[in-house]
Amino acid sequence: TWVLKSGAVRESVRFEQQDVTEKMPEGPFDLIMSRYAVCLYLDAECKEAALTGLVDRLRPGGFLVIGEKESLPAGFCDRHGLASFAYCTRRDSCPFGPTVPMQGIYVKECASSAPSAAAGAAEDPRARAGTYSAFVKATTGAEPDWIVERDRRWRELTQRKMSDRSRCVLARAVQEGRRESADLLSRMVQ
C-alpha cells in the first residue's frame, strides 16, 4: 500500500458529504466524487442542476468522478468545459491498480493554457521549480519522499523535466496560493 508520510499533505485534504439537492458545499474543490444518487435517481432537471453546481465548484484542472453505471447528460461536457479523462496503471509499476481505462472521470479544462502574471509569483520558489521533485520540495519543505515508494517508478516520474502544460498548471497553483501538490503531480505525469 501507499502511505502518506507528510502531515502537510494530509492537512491539505478535506472530505465533505452533503445532499446536493438541498445545499451545495462551498468550493472550490480539486476532486468531487458524485456516486449513484445524483445521476441515477434524480429527474433530468434536478440532475442537470446538481451536476452544474458541482462542476461550478471545481477548480480548473479539478476532477469530477461519477459511478461506473452513471453517465452525464448529452452535451453536458461541452457546455461546462469538461473533458473525459481515462485512467489506468501499468501492471509493472503498480500491480494492484486497474489495467484497463477507468470510465466516469472528467477533468475541468483550464480557461487558458497560458499563465497570467501575478504579483509575487516570481518570488515563490514553486514558480521556478524545474522538475516535479523541486516543486514538491518547494511546496512541502521536504524532499519528495512523502510517499513510500513501491519501486523506482515514482522517483523517476518526479525527476522528469516539466512540460509547458505543467508549468502552466504550477504557475496557476502558485498564483492561487495553493499549497497542495499531490493532485498537481498526478495530473502532470499522465
N, C-alpha and C. Protein backbone atom coordinates (compact mmCIF):
# COMPACT_ATOMS: atom_id res chain seq x y z
N THR A 1 0.84 -1.19 0.00
CA THR A 1 0.00 0.00 0.00
C THR A 1 0.88 1.24 0.00
N TRP A 2 0.30 2.34 -0.43
CA TRP A 2 0.98 3.63 -0.42
C TRP A 2 0.63 4.33 0.89
N VAL A 3 1.59 5.04 1.44
CA VAL A 3 1.38 5.72 2.72
C VAL A 3 1.85 7.16 2.59
N LEU A 4 0.98 8.10 2.95
CA LEU A 4 1.38 9.50 3.01
C LEU A 4 2.13 9.73 4.31
N LYS A 5 3.38 10.17 4.20
CA LYS A 5 4.18 10.40 5.40
C LYS A 5 4.08 11.85 5.88
N SER A 6 3.76 12.76 5.01
CA SER A 6 3.76 14.17 5.35
C SER A 6 2.42 14.62 5.91
N GLY A 7 2.45 15.20 7.09
CA GLY A 7 1.23 15.76 7.66
C GLY A 7 0.73 16.93 6.84
N ALA A 8 1.65 17.66 6.17
CA ALA A 8 1.26 18.81 5.36
C ALA A 8 0.36 18.39 4.21
N VAL A 9 0.65 17.25 3.62
CA VAL A 9 -0.19 16.76 2.52
C VAL A 9 -1.54 16.33 3.05
N ARG A 10 -1.54 15.58 4.15
CA ARG A 10 -2.80 15.13 4.74
C ARG A 10 -3.67 16.31 5.16
N GLU A 11 -3.05 17.36 5.69
CA GLU A 11 -3.81 18.52 6.16
C GLU A 11 -4.45 19.30 5.02
N SER A 12 -3.94 19.13 3.80
CA SER A 12 -4.50 19.88 2.67
C SER A 12 -5.72 19.19 2.07
N VAL A 13 -6.11 18.04 2.61
CA VAL A 13 -7.26 17.29 2.10
C VAL A 13 -8.46 17.50 3.02
N ARG A 14 -9.62 17.78 2.41
CA ARG A 14 -10.85 17.96 3.18
C ARG A 14 -11.94 17.11 2.54
N PHE A 15 -12.63 16.32 3.34
CA PHE A 15 -13.72 15.49 2.86
C PHE A 15 -15.04 16.08 3.33
N GLU A 16 -16.03 16.12 2.44
CA GLU A 16 -17.36 16.58 2.80
C GLU A 16 -18.38 15.63 2.21
N GLN A 17 -19.45 15.40 2.95
CA GLN A 17 -20.55 14.58 2.47
C GLN A 17 -21.81 15.40 2.66
N GLN A 18 -22.49 15.73 1.54
CA GLN A 18 -23.68 16.58 1.63
C GLN A 18 -24.72 16.15 0.61
N ASP A 19 -25.95 16.52 0.86
CA ASP A 19 -27.05 16.30 -0.07
C ASP A 19 -27.07 17.49 -1.03
N VAL A 20 -26.65 17.27 -2.27
CA VAL A 20 -26.52 18.37 -3.22
C VAL A 20 -27.86 18.87 -3.75
N THR A 21 -28.95 18.21 -3.41
CA THR A 21 -30.26 18.71 -3.81
C THR A 21 -30.76 19.77 -2.83
N GLU A 22 -30.15 19.85 -1.66
CA GLU A 22 -30.56 20.83 -0.66
C GLU A 22 -29.62 22.03 -0.62
N LYS A 23 -28.35 21.79 -0.36
CA LYS A 23 -27.38 22.88 -0.27
C LYS A 23 -26.05 22.39 -0.82
N MET A 24 -25.47 23.18 -1.69
CA MET A 24 -24.17 22.81 -2.26
C MET A 24 -23.06 23.19 -1.29
N PRO A 25 -22.02 22.36 -1.21
CA PRO A 25 -20.88 22.71 -0.37
C PRO A 25 -20.11 23.88 -0.97
N GLU A 26 -19.42 24.60 -0.12
CA GLU A 26 -18.59 25.70 -0.60
C GLU A 26 -17.40 25.11 -1.35
N GLY A 27 -16.92 25.77 -2.35
CA GLY A 27 -15.77 25.31 -3.13
C GLY A 27 -14.66 26.33 -3.04
N PRO A 28 -13.70 26.25 -3.88
CA PRO A 28 -13.56 25.28 -4.96
C PRO A 28 -12.89 24.00 -4.47
N PHE A 29 -13.06 22.93 -5.26
CA PHE A 29 -12.51 21.62 -4.93
C PHE A 29 -11.62 21.12 -6.06
N ASP A 30 -10.65 20.30 -5.70
CA ASP A 30 -9.79 19.64 -6.68
C ASP A 30 -10.42 18.35 -7.18
N LEU A 31 -11.24 17.71 -6.35
CA LEU A 31 -11.86 16.43 -6.69
C LEU A 31 -13.25 16.37 -6.08
N ILE A 32 -14.23 16.01 -6.90
CA ILE A 32 -15.59 15.78 -6.41
C ILE A 32 -15.99 14.39 -6.88
N MET A 33 -16.39 13.55 -5.93
CA MET A 33 -16.87 12.21 -6.24
C MET A 33 -18.38 12.21 -6.07
N SER A 34 -19.08 12.03 -7.15
CA SER A 34 -20.54 12.02 -7.14
C SER A 34 -20.98 10.62 -7.50
N ARG A 35 -21.44 9.88 -6.53
CA ARG A 35 -21.75 8.47 -6.77
C ARG A 35 -23.25 8.22 -6.66
N TYR A 36 -23.76 7.47 -7.60
CA TYR A 36 -25.10 6.89 -7.63
C TYR A 36 -26.26 7.87 -7.58
N ALA A 37 -26.56 8.48 -6.47
CA ALA A 37 -27.82 9.21 -6.31
C ALA A 37 -28.01 10.32 -7.33
N VAL A 38 -26.99 11.11 -7.60
CA VAL A 38 -27.16 12.26 -8.49
C VAL A 38 -27.53 11.83 -9.91
N CYS A 39 -26.78 10.91 -10.47
CA CYS A 39 -27.03 10.53 -11.87
C CYS A 39 -28.10 9.46 -12.05
N LEU A 40 -28.33 8.64 -11.06
CA LEU A 40 -29.27 7.54 -11.23
C LEU A 40 -30.69 7.85 -10.78
N TYR A 41 -30.84 8.59 -9.70
CA TYR A 41 -32.16 8.71 -9.08
C TYR A 41 -32.85 10.06 -9.24
N LEU A 42 -32.15 11.07 -9.70
CA LEU A 42 -32.78 12.38 -9.87
C LEU A 42 -33.39 12.49 -11.26
N ASP A 43 -34.47 13.29 -11.36
CA ASP A 43 -35.04 13.52 -12.69
C ASP A 43 -34.07 14.40 -13.48
N ALA A 44 -34.28 14.51 -14.78
CA ALA A 44 -33.34 15.18 -15.68
C ALA A 44 -33.03 16.62 -15.25
N GLU A 45 -34.06 17.37 -14.86
CA GLU A 45 -33.87 18.77 -14.47
C GLU A 45 -33.03 18.89 -13.20
N CYS A 46 -33.35 18.10 -12.18
CA CYS A 46 -32.59 18.13 -10.92
C CYS A 46 -31.17 17.62 -11.12
N LYS A 47 -31.03 16.61 -11.96
CA LYS A 47 -29.71 16.05 -12.26
C LYS A 47 -28.82 17.11 -12.90
N GLU A 48 -29.35 17.81 -13.90
CA GLU A 48 -28.58 18.86 -14.58
C GLU A 48 -28.19 19.96 -13.60
N ALA A 49 -29.13 20.39 -12.75
CA ALA A 49 -28.85 21.46 -11.79
C ALA A 49 -27.79 21.02 -10.77
N ALA A 50 -27.90 19.81 -10.26
CA ALA A 50 -26.94 19.32 -9.27
C ALA A 50 -25.55 19.17 -9.88
N LEU A 51 -25.47 18.58 -11.06
CA LEU A 51 -24.17 18.40 -11.70
C LEU A 51 -23.54 19.74 -12.08
N THR A 52 -24.36 20.68 -12.54
CA THR A 52 -23.85 22.02 -12.85
C THR A 52 -23.28 22.67 -11.60
N GLY A 53 -23.98 22.56 -10.49
CA GLY A 53 -23.49 23.12 -9.23
C GLY A 53 -22.17 22.49 -8.80
N LEU A 54 -22.03 21.19 -9.00
CA LEU A 54 -20.78 20.51 -8.64
C LEU A 54 -19.63 20.99 -9.52
N VAL A 55 -19.86 21.04 -10.83
CA VAL A 55 -18.80 21.47 -11.76
C VAL A 55 -18.41 22.92 -11.49
N ASP A 56 -19.37 23.76 -11.15
CA ASP A 56 -19.07 25.16 -10.83
C ASP A 56 -18.13 25.27 -9.64
N ARG A 57 -18.11 24.27 -8.77
CA ARG A 57 -17.27 24.30 -7.58
C ARG A 57 -15.92 23.62 -7.78
N LEU A 58 -15.66 23.12 -8.98
CA LEU A 58 -14.36 22.53 -9.28
C LEU A 58 -13.37 23.61 -9.68
N ARG A 59 -12.13 23.48 -9.23
CA ARG A 59 -11.07 24.35 -9.71
C ARG A 59 -10.76 23.97 -11.16
N PRO A 60 -10.22 24.89 -11.96
CA PRO A 60 -9.73 24.48 -13.28
C PRO A 60 -8.69 23.37 -13.10
N GLY A 61 -8.83 22.31 -13.85
CA GLY A 61 -7.94 21.16 -13.69
C GLY A 61 -8.44 20.17 -12.66
N GLY A 62 -9.56 20.48 -11.99
CA GLY A 62 -10.13 19.58 -10.98
C GLY A 62 -10.89 18.43 -11.63
N PHE A 63 -11.14 17.39 -10.85
CA PHE A 63 -11.75 16.17 -11.37
C PHE A 63 -13.15 15.94 -10.80
N LEU A 64 -14.07 15.51 -11.68
CA LEU A 64 -15.39 15.04 -11.29
C LEU A 64 -15.41 13.55 -11.59
N VAL A 65 -15.72 12.75 -10.57
CA VAL A 65 -15.78 11.29 -10.73
C VAL A 65 -17.21 10.85 -10.47
N ILE A 66 -17.77 10.12 -11.44
CA ILE A 66 -19.12 9.59 -11.27
C ILE A 66 -19.05 8.07 -11.24
N GLY A 67 -20.12 7.44 -10.82
CA GLY A 67 -20.16 5.99 -10.68
C GLY A 67 -20.05 5.25 -12.00
N GLU A 68 -19.68 3.99 -11.92
CA GLU A 68 -19.44 3.15 -13.09
C GLU A 68 -20.67 3.03 -13.99
N LYS A 69 -21.85 2.97 -13.42
CA LYS A 69 -23.07 2.79 -14.21
C LYS A 69 -23.77 4.11 -14.53
N GLU A 70 -23.13 5.23 -14.21
CA GLU A 70 -23.73 6.54 -14.43
C GLU A 70 -23.21 7.16 -15.72
N SER A 71 -23.94 8.16 -16.20
CA SER A 71 -23.49 8.93 -17.36
C SER A 71 -23.95 10.37 -17.20
N LEU A 72 -23.22 11.26 -17.82
CA LEU A 72 -23.59 12.67 -17.80
C LEU A 72 -24.62 12.93 -18.89
N PRO A 73 -25.47 13.95 -18.72
CA PRO A 73 -26.45 14.27 -19.76
C PRO A 73 -25.76 14.60 -21.09
N ALA A 74 -26.44 14.36 -22.19
CA ALA A 74 -25.90 14.65 -23.51
C ALA A 74 -25.48 16.12 -23.61
N GLY A 75 -24.28 16.37 -24.09
CA GLY A 75 -23.77 17.72 -24.27
C GLY A 75 -23.29 18.40 -23.01
N PHE A 76 -23.39 17.74 -21.86
CA PHE A 76 -23.02 18.36 -20.58
C PHE A 76 -21.54 18.76 -20.56
N CYS A 77 -20.67 17.87 -21.03
CA CYS A 77 -19.23 18.16 -21.01
C CYS A 77 -18.91 19.40 -21.83
N ASP A 78 -19.48 19.51 -23.02
CA ASP A 78 -19.23 20.68 -23.87
C ASP A 78 -19.73 21.96 -23.23
N ARG A 79 -20.90 21.92 -22.63
CA ARG A 79 -21.48 23.12 -22.01
C ARG A 79 -20.71 23.58 -20.78
N HIS A 80 -20.02 22.66 -20.11
CA HIS A 80 -19.39 23.00 -18.83
C HIS A 80 -17.87 22.85 -18.83
N GLY A 81 -17.26 22.72 -19.99
CA GLY A 81 -15.80 22.66 -20.07
C GLY A 81 -15.18 21.44 -19.42
N LEU A 82 -15.83 20.29 -19.57
CA LEU A 82 -15.27 19.04 -19.03
C LEU A 82 -14.71 18.20 -20.16
N ALA A 83 -13.64 17.49 -19.87
CA ALA A 83 -13.06 16.54 -20.82
C ALA A 83 -12.99 15.18 -20.14
N SER A 84 -13.30 14.14 -20.89
CA SER A 84 -13.21 12.78 -20.36
C SER A 84 -11.74 12.47 -20.08
N PHE A 85 -11.49 11.80 -18.98
CA PHE A 85 -10.13 11.51 -18.54
C PHE A 85 -10.04 10.01 -18.29
N ALA A 86 -9.23 9.31 -19.07
CA ALA A 86 -9.08 7.86 -18.90
C ALA A 86 -7.89 7.59 -18.00
N TYR A 87 -8.10 6.81 -16.96
CA TYR A 87 -7.04 6.48 -16.00
C TYR A 87 -6.82 4.98 -15.98
N CYS A 88 -5.58 4.57 -16.06
CA CYS A 88 -5.24 3.17 -15.83
C CYS A 88 -3.79 3.13 -15.37
N THR A 89 -3.37 2.03 -14.79
CA THR A 89 -1.99 1.90 -14.33
C THR A 89 -1.28 0.85 -15.16
N ARG A 90 0.03 0.96 -15.18
CA ARG A 90 0.82 -0.06 -15.84
C ARG A 90 1.04 -1.18 -14.85
N ARG A 91 0.84 -2.38 -15.28
CA ARG A 91 0.95 -3.54 -14.40
C ARG A 91 2.35 -3.65 -13.78
N ASP A 92 3.41 -3.32 -14.53
CA ASP A 92 4.76 -3.47 -13.98
C ASP A 92 5.09 -2.44 -12.92
N SER A 93 4.43 -1.29 -12.94
CA SER A 93 4.74 -0.26 -11.95
C SER A 93 3.78 -0.25 -10.77
N CYS A 94 2.61 -0.83 -10.94
CA CYS A 94 1.61 -0.81 -9.87
C CYS A 94 0.74 -2.05 -10.00
N PRO A 95 1.16 -3.17 -9.43
CA PRO A 95 0.48 -4.44 -9.67
C PRO A 95 -0.95 -4.52 -9.13
N PHE A 96 -1.38 -3.58 -8.30
CA PHE A 96 -2.71 -3.67 -7.71
C PHE A 96 -3.71 -2.71 -8.33
N GLY A 97 -3.32 -1.90 -9.30
CA GLY A 97 -4.22 -0.90 -9.87
C GLY A 97 -4.94 -1.41 -11.11
N PRO A 98 -5.90 -0.62 -11.62
CA PRO A 98 -6.63 -1.04 -12.82
C PRO A 98 -5.72 -0.99 -14.05
N THR A 99 -5.84 -1.99 -14.93
CA THR A 99 -5.02 -2.01 -16.14
C THR A 99 -5.84 -1.66 -17.38
N VAL A 100 -7.13 -1.50 -17.23
CA VAL A 100 -7.98 -1.00 -18.32
C VAL A 100 -8.45 0.39 -17.92
N PRO A 101 -8.65 1.28 -18.89
CA PRO A 101 -9.05 2.65 -18.52
C PRO A 101 -10.34 2.67 -17.69
N MET A 102 -10.31 3.45 -16.62
CA MET A 102 -11.48 3.64 -15.77
C MET A 102 -12.36 4.71 -16.42
N GLN A 103 -13.64 4.46 -16.51
CA GLN A 103 -14.57 5.41 -17.11
C GLN A 103 -15.21 6.25 -16.00
N GLY A 104 -15.81 7.37 -16.39
CA GLY A 104 -16.53 8.21 -15.44
C GLY A 104 -15.66 9.23 -14.73
N ILE A 105 -14.48 9.52 -15.27
CA ILE A 105 -13.60 10.54 -14.70
C ILE A 105 -13.54 11.68 -15.70
N TYR A 106 -13.82 12.89 -15.22
CA TYR A 106 -13.82 14.07 -16.08
C TYR A 106 -12.96 15.14 -15.44
N VAL A 107 -12.23 15.89 -16.26
CA VAL A 107 -11.38 16.96 -15.76
C VAL A 107 -11.93 18.29 -16.28
N LYS A 108 -11.97 19.29 -15.40
CA LYS A 108 -12.44 20.62 -15.78
C LYS A 108 -11.28 21.32 -16.48
N GLU A 109 -11.53 21.72 -17.71
CA GLU A 109 -10.47 22.32 -18.51
C GLU A 109 -10.11 23.70 -17.99
N CYS A 110 -8.82 24.06 -18.13
CA CYS A 110 -8.34 25.38 -17.74
C CYS A 110 -8.90 26.41 -18.72
N ALA A 111 -9.18 27.59 -18.22
CA ALA A 111 -9.72 28.65 -19.07
C ALA A 111 -8.71 29.09 -20.11
N SER A 112 -7.44 29.03 -19.76
CA SER A 112 -6.38 29.46 -20.66
C SER A 112 -5.19 28.55 -20.49
N SER A 113 -4.48 28.30 -21.56
CA SER A 113 -3.29 27.45 -21.45
C SER A 113 -2.06 28.26 -21.10
N ALA A 114 -2.16 29.58 -21.14
CA ALA A 114 -1.02 30.42 -20.79
C ALA A 114 -1.24 31.04 -19.42
N PRO A 115 -0.24 30.94 -18.53
CA PRO A 115 -0.40 31.52 -17.20
C PRO A 115 -0.37 33.04 -17.27
N SER A 116 -1.17 33.68 -16.44
CA SER A 116 -1.14 35.13 -16.37
C SER A 116 -0.14 35.55 -15.31
N ALA A 117 0.40 36.74 -15.45
CA ALA A 117 1.38 37.22 -14.49
C ALA A 117 0.66 37.67 -13.23
N ALA A 118 1.19 37.30 -12.10
CA ALA A 118 0.60 37.70 -10.82
C ALA A 118 1.70 38.22 -9.92
N ALA A 119 1.39 39.26 -9.16
CA ALA A 119 2.37 39.84 -8.25
C ALA A 119 2.80 38.81 -7.23
N GLY A 120 4.09 38.71 -7.05
CA GLY A 120 4.61 37.80 -6.03
C GLY A 120 4.85 36.39 -6.51
N ALA A 121 4.32 36.00 -7.65
CA ALA A 121 4.50 34.62 -8.11
C ALA A 121 5.96 34.34 -8.43
N ALA A 122 6.68 35.34 -8.96
CA ALA A 122 8.08 35.12 -9.32
C ALA A 122 8.94 34.85 -8.09
N GLU A 123 8.56 35.40 -6.93
CA GLU A 123 9.34 35.16 -5.72
C GLU A 123 9.07 33.80 -5.10
N ASP A 124 7.99 33.17 -5.46
CA ASP A 124 7.64 31.87 -4.90
C ASP A 124 8.53 30.81 -5.54
N PRO A 125 9.28 30.03 -4.74
CA PRO A 125 10.18 29.02 -5.32
C PRO A 125 9.45 27.96 -6.13
N ARG A 126 8.16 27.76 -5.87
CA ARG A 126 7.41 26.79 -6.66
C ARG A 126 7.29 27.24 -8.11
N ALA A 127 7.23 28.55 -8.34
CA ALA A 127 7.11 29.07 -9.70
C ALA A 127 8.38 28.85 -10.50
N ARG A 128 9.51 28.69 -9.83
CA ARG A 128 10.79 28.49 -10.51
C ARG A 128 11.22 27.03 -10.56
N ALA A 129 10.42 26.13 -10.04
CA ALA A 129 10.80 24.71 -9.99
C ALA A 129 10.92 24.15 -11.41
N GLY A 130 12.03 23.47 -11.68
CA GLY A 130 12.27 22.91 -13.00
C GLY A 130 11.86 21.46 -13.12
N THR A 131 11.69 20.77 -11.99
CA THR A 131 11.28 19.37 -12.01
C THR A 131 10.14 19.19 -11.02
N TYR A 132 9.45 18.06 -11.13
CA TYR A 132 8.36 17.78 -10.21
C TYR A 132 8.86 17.66 -8.77
N SER A 133 10.03 17.03 -8.60
CA SER A 133 10.56 16.88 -7.24
C SER A 133 10.90 18.24 -6.64
N ALA A 134 11.39 19.17 -7.46
CA ALA A 134 11.68 20.51 -6.96
C ALA A 134 10.40 21.22 -6.53
N PHE A 135 9.31 21.00 -7.28
CA PHE A 135 8.03 21.60 -6.90
C PHE A 135 7.55 21.05 -5.57
N VAL A 136 7.66 19.73 -5.39
CA VAL A 136 7.25 19.11 -4.12
C VAL A 136 8.08 19.66 -2.98
N LYS A 137 9.39 19.76 -3.17
CA LYS A 137 10.26 20.28 -2.12
C LYS A 137 9.89 21.73 -1.77
N ALA A 138 9.63 22.55 -2.79
CA ALA A 138 9.25 23.94 -2.54
C ALA A 138 7.89 24.04 -1.86
N THR A 139 7.01 23.10 -2.12
CA THR A 139 5.67 23.11 -1.54
C THR A 139 5.65 22.61 -0.11
N THR A 140 6.30 21.47 0.13
CA THR A 140 6.22 20.82 1.43
C THR A 140 7.42 21.11 2.33
N GLY A 141 8.50 21.64 1.74
CA GLY A 141 9.70 21.87 2.52
C GLY A 141 10.52 20.61 2.73
N ALA A 142 10.17 19.54 2.04
CA ALA A 142 10.88 18.27 2.20
C ALA A 142 11.11 17.65 0.83
N GLU A 143 12.10 16.78 0.77
CA GLU A 143 12.32 16.02 -0.45
C GLU A 143 11.07 15.20 -0.75
N PRO A 144 10.83 14.85 -2.01
CA PRO A 144 9.61 14.12 -2.35
C PRO A 144 9.62 12.67 -1.90
N ASP A 145 9.90 12.45 -0.63
CA ASP A 145 9.81 11.09 -0.09
C ASP A 145 8.59 10.97 0.81
N TRP A 146 7.62 11.89 0.65
CA TRP A 146 6.41 11.83 1.46
C TRP A 146 5.51 10.70 1.05
N ILE A 147 5.83 10.05 -0.05
CA ILE A 147 5.13 8.82 -0.41
C ILE A 147 6.16 7.70 -0.38
N VAL A 148 5.86 6.64 0.33
CA VAL A 148 6.76 5.49 0.37
C VAL A 148 6.69 4.80 -0.98
N GLU A 149 7.83 4.63 -1.61
CA GLU A 149 7.85 4.04 -2.95
C GLU A 149 7.66 2.54 -2.93
N ARG A 150 6.91 2.05 -3.89
CA ARG A 150 6.83 0.61 -4.13
C ARG A 150 7.99 0.21 -5.04
N ASP A 151 8.41 1.12 -5.90
CA ASP A 151 9.53 0.86 -6.80
C ASP A 151 10.12 2.19 -7.25
N ARG A 152 11.02 2.16 -8.19
CA ARG A 152 11.68 3.38 -8.63
C ARG A 152 10.80 4.23 -9.54
N ARG A 153 9.71 3.71 -10.01
CA ARG A 153 8.86 4.41 -10.99
C ARG A 153 8.45 5.80 -10.50
N TRP A 154 8.00 5.90 -9.25
CA TRP A 154 7.58 7.20 -8.73
C TRP A 154 8.74 8.19 -8.72
N ARG A 155 9.90 7.76 -8.26
CA ARG A 155 11.06 8.65 -8.21
C ARG A 155 11.43 9.11 -9.62
N GLU A 156 11.39 8.20 -10.58
CA GLU A 156 11.72 8.55 -11.96
C GLU A 156 10.73 9.58 -12.51
N LEU A 157 9.46 9.42 -12.21
CA LEU A 157 8.46 10.37 -12.69
C LEU A 157 8.69 11.76 -12.11
N THR A 158 9.08 11.84 -10.85
CA THR A 158 9.26 13.15 -10.22
C THR A 158 10.54 13.84 -10.66
N GLN A 159 11.44 13.13 -11.32
CA GLN A 159 12.69 13.74 -11.78
C GLN A 159 12.60 14.23 -13.22
N ARG A 160 11.49 13.97 -13.90
CA ARG A 160 11.33 14.41 -15.28
C ARG A 160 11.27 15.93 -15.37
N LYS A 161 11.72 16.44 -16.49
CA LYS A 161 11.59 17.87 -16.76
C LYS A 161 10.12 18.18 -17.02
N MET A 162 9.70 19.37 -16.65
CA MET A 162 8.30 19.74 -16.80
C MET A 162 7.99 20.21 -18.22
N SER A 163 6.79 19.90 -18.67
CA SER A 163 6.31 20.37 -19.97
C SER A 163 5.74 21.78 -19.79
N ASP A 164 5.45 22.43 -20.92
CA ASP A 164 4.83 23.76 -20.86
C ASP A 164 3.48 23.70 -20.15
N ARG A 165 2.71 22.63 -20.39
CA ARG A 165 1.40 22.48 -19.74
C ARG A 165 1.59 22.39 -18.22
N SER A 166 2.60 21.64 -17.79
CA SER A 166 2.86 21.50 -16.36
C SER A 166 3.23 22.84 -15.76
N ARG A 167 4.06 23.60 -16.46
CA ARG A 167 4.44 24.92 -15.95
C ARG A 167 3.20 25.81 -15.80
N CYS A 168 2.25 25.70 -16.75
CA CYS A 168 1.00 26.47 -16.68
C CYS A 168 0.21 26.08 -15.44
N VAL A 169 0.07 24.78 -15.21
CA VAL A 169 -0.69 24.30 -14.05
C VAL A 169 -0.03 24.75 -12.76
N LEU A 170 1.30 24.62 -12.68
CA LEU A 170 2.02 25.03 -11.46
C LEU A 170 1.95 26.54 -11.26
N ALA A 171 2.11 27.30 -12.33
CA ALA A 171 2.03 28.75 -12.20
C ALA A 171 0.66 29.17 -11.68
N ARG A 172 -0.39 28.54 -12.20
CA ARG A 172 -1.74 28.86 -11.74
C ARG A 172 -1.90 28.51 -10.26
N ALA A 173 -1.35 27.37 -9.85
CA ALA A 173 -1.45 26.97 -8.45
C ALA A 173 -0.73 27.97 -7.55
N VAL A 174 0.43 28.43 -8.00
CA VAL A 174 1.18 29.42 -7.22
C VAL A 174 0.38 30.71 -7.11
N GLN A 175 -0.20 31.15 -8.22
CA GLN A 175 -0.99 32.38 -8.22
C GLN A 175 -2.20 32.28 -7.30
N GLU A 176 -2.79 31.09 -7.22
CA GLU A 176 -3.95 30.88 -6.36
C GLU A 176 -3.56 30.68 -4.90
N GLY A 177 -2.26 30.58 -4.64
CA GLY A 177 -1.82 30.38 -3.26
C GLY A 177 -2.02 28.97 -2.76
N ARG A 178 -2.13 28.01 -3.67
CA ARG A 178 -2.36 26.63 -3.26
C ARG A 178 -1.08 26.01 -2.75
N ARG A 179 -1.19 25.25 -1.67
CA ARG A 179 -0.03 24.61 -1.08
C ARG A 179 0.00 23.11 -1.32
N GLU A 180 -1.10 22.52 -1.80
CA GLU A 180 -1.11 21.09 -2.03
C GLU A 180 -0.41 20.77 -3.35
N SER A 181 0.20 19.62 -3.45
CA SER A 181 0.90 19.27 -4.67
C SER A 181 0.60 17.88 -5.17
N ALA A 182 0.08 17.00 -4.35
CA ALA A 182 -0.12 15.62 -4.78
C ALA A 182 -1.04 15.54 -5.99
N ASP A 183 -2.14 16.30 -5.98
CA ASP A 183 -3.06 16.26 -7.12
C ASP A 183 -2.43 16.86 -8.36
N LEU A 184 -1.61 17.90 -8.17
CA LEU A 184 -0.96 18.51 -9.32
C LEU A 184 0.02 17.53 -9.96
N LEU A 185 0.79 16.85 -9.13
CA LEU A 185 1.74 15.89 -9.68
C LEU A 185 1.03 14.80 -10.45
N SER A 186 -0.07 14.30 -9.94
CA SER A 186 -0.76 13.22 -10.63
C SER A 186 -1.29 13.69 -11.98
N ARG A 187 -1.68 14.95 -12.10
CA ARG A 187 -2.15 15.47 -13.38
C ARG A 187 -1.01 15.66 -14.36
N MET A 188 0.16 16.05 -13.85
CA MET A 188 1.26 16.40 -14.74
C MET A 188 2.00 15.21 -15.30
N VAL A 189 2.00 14.10 -14.64
CA VAL A 189 2.77 12.95 -15.11
C VAL A 189 1.96 12.00 -15.96
N GLN A 190 0.73 12.36 -16.27
CA GLN A 190 -0.10 11.48 -17.10
C GLN A 190 0.37 11.46 -18.54
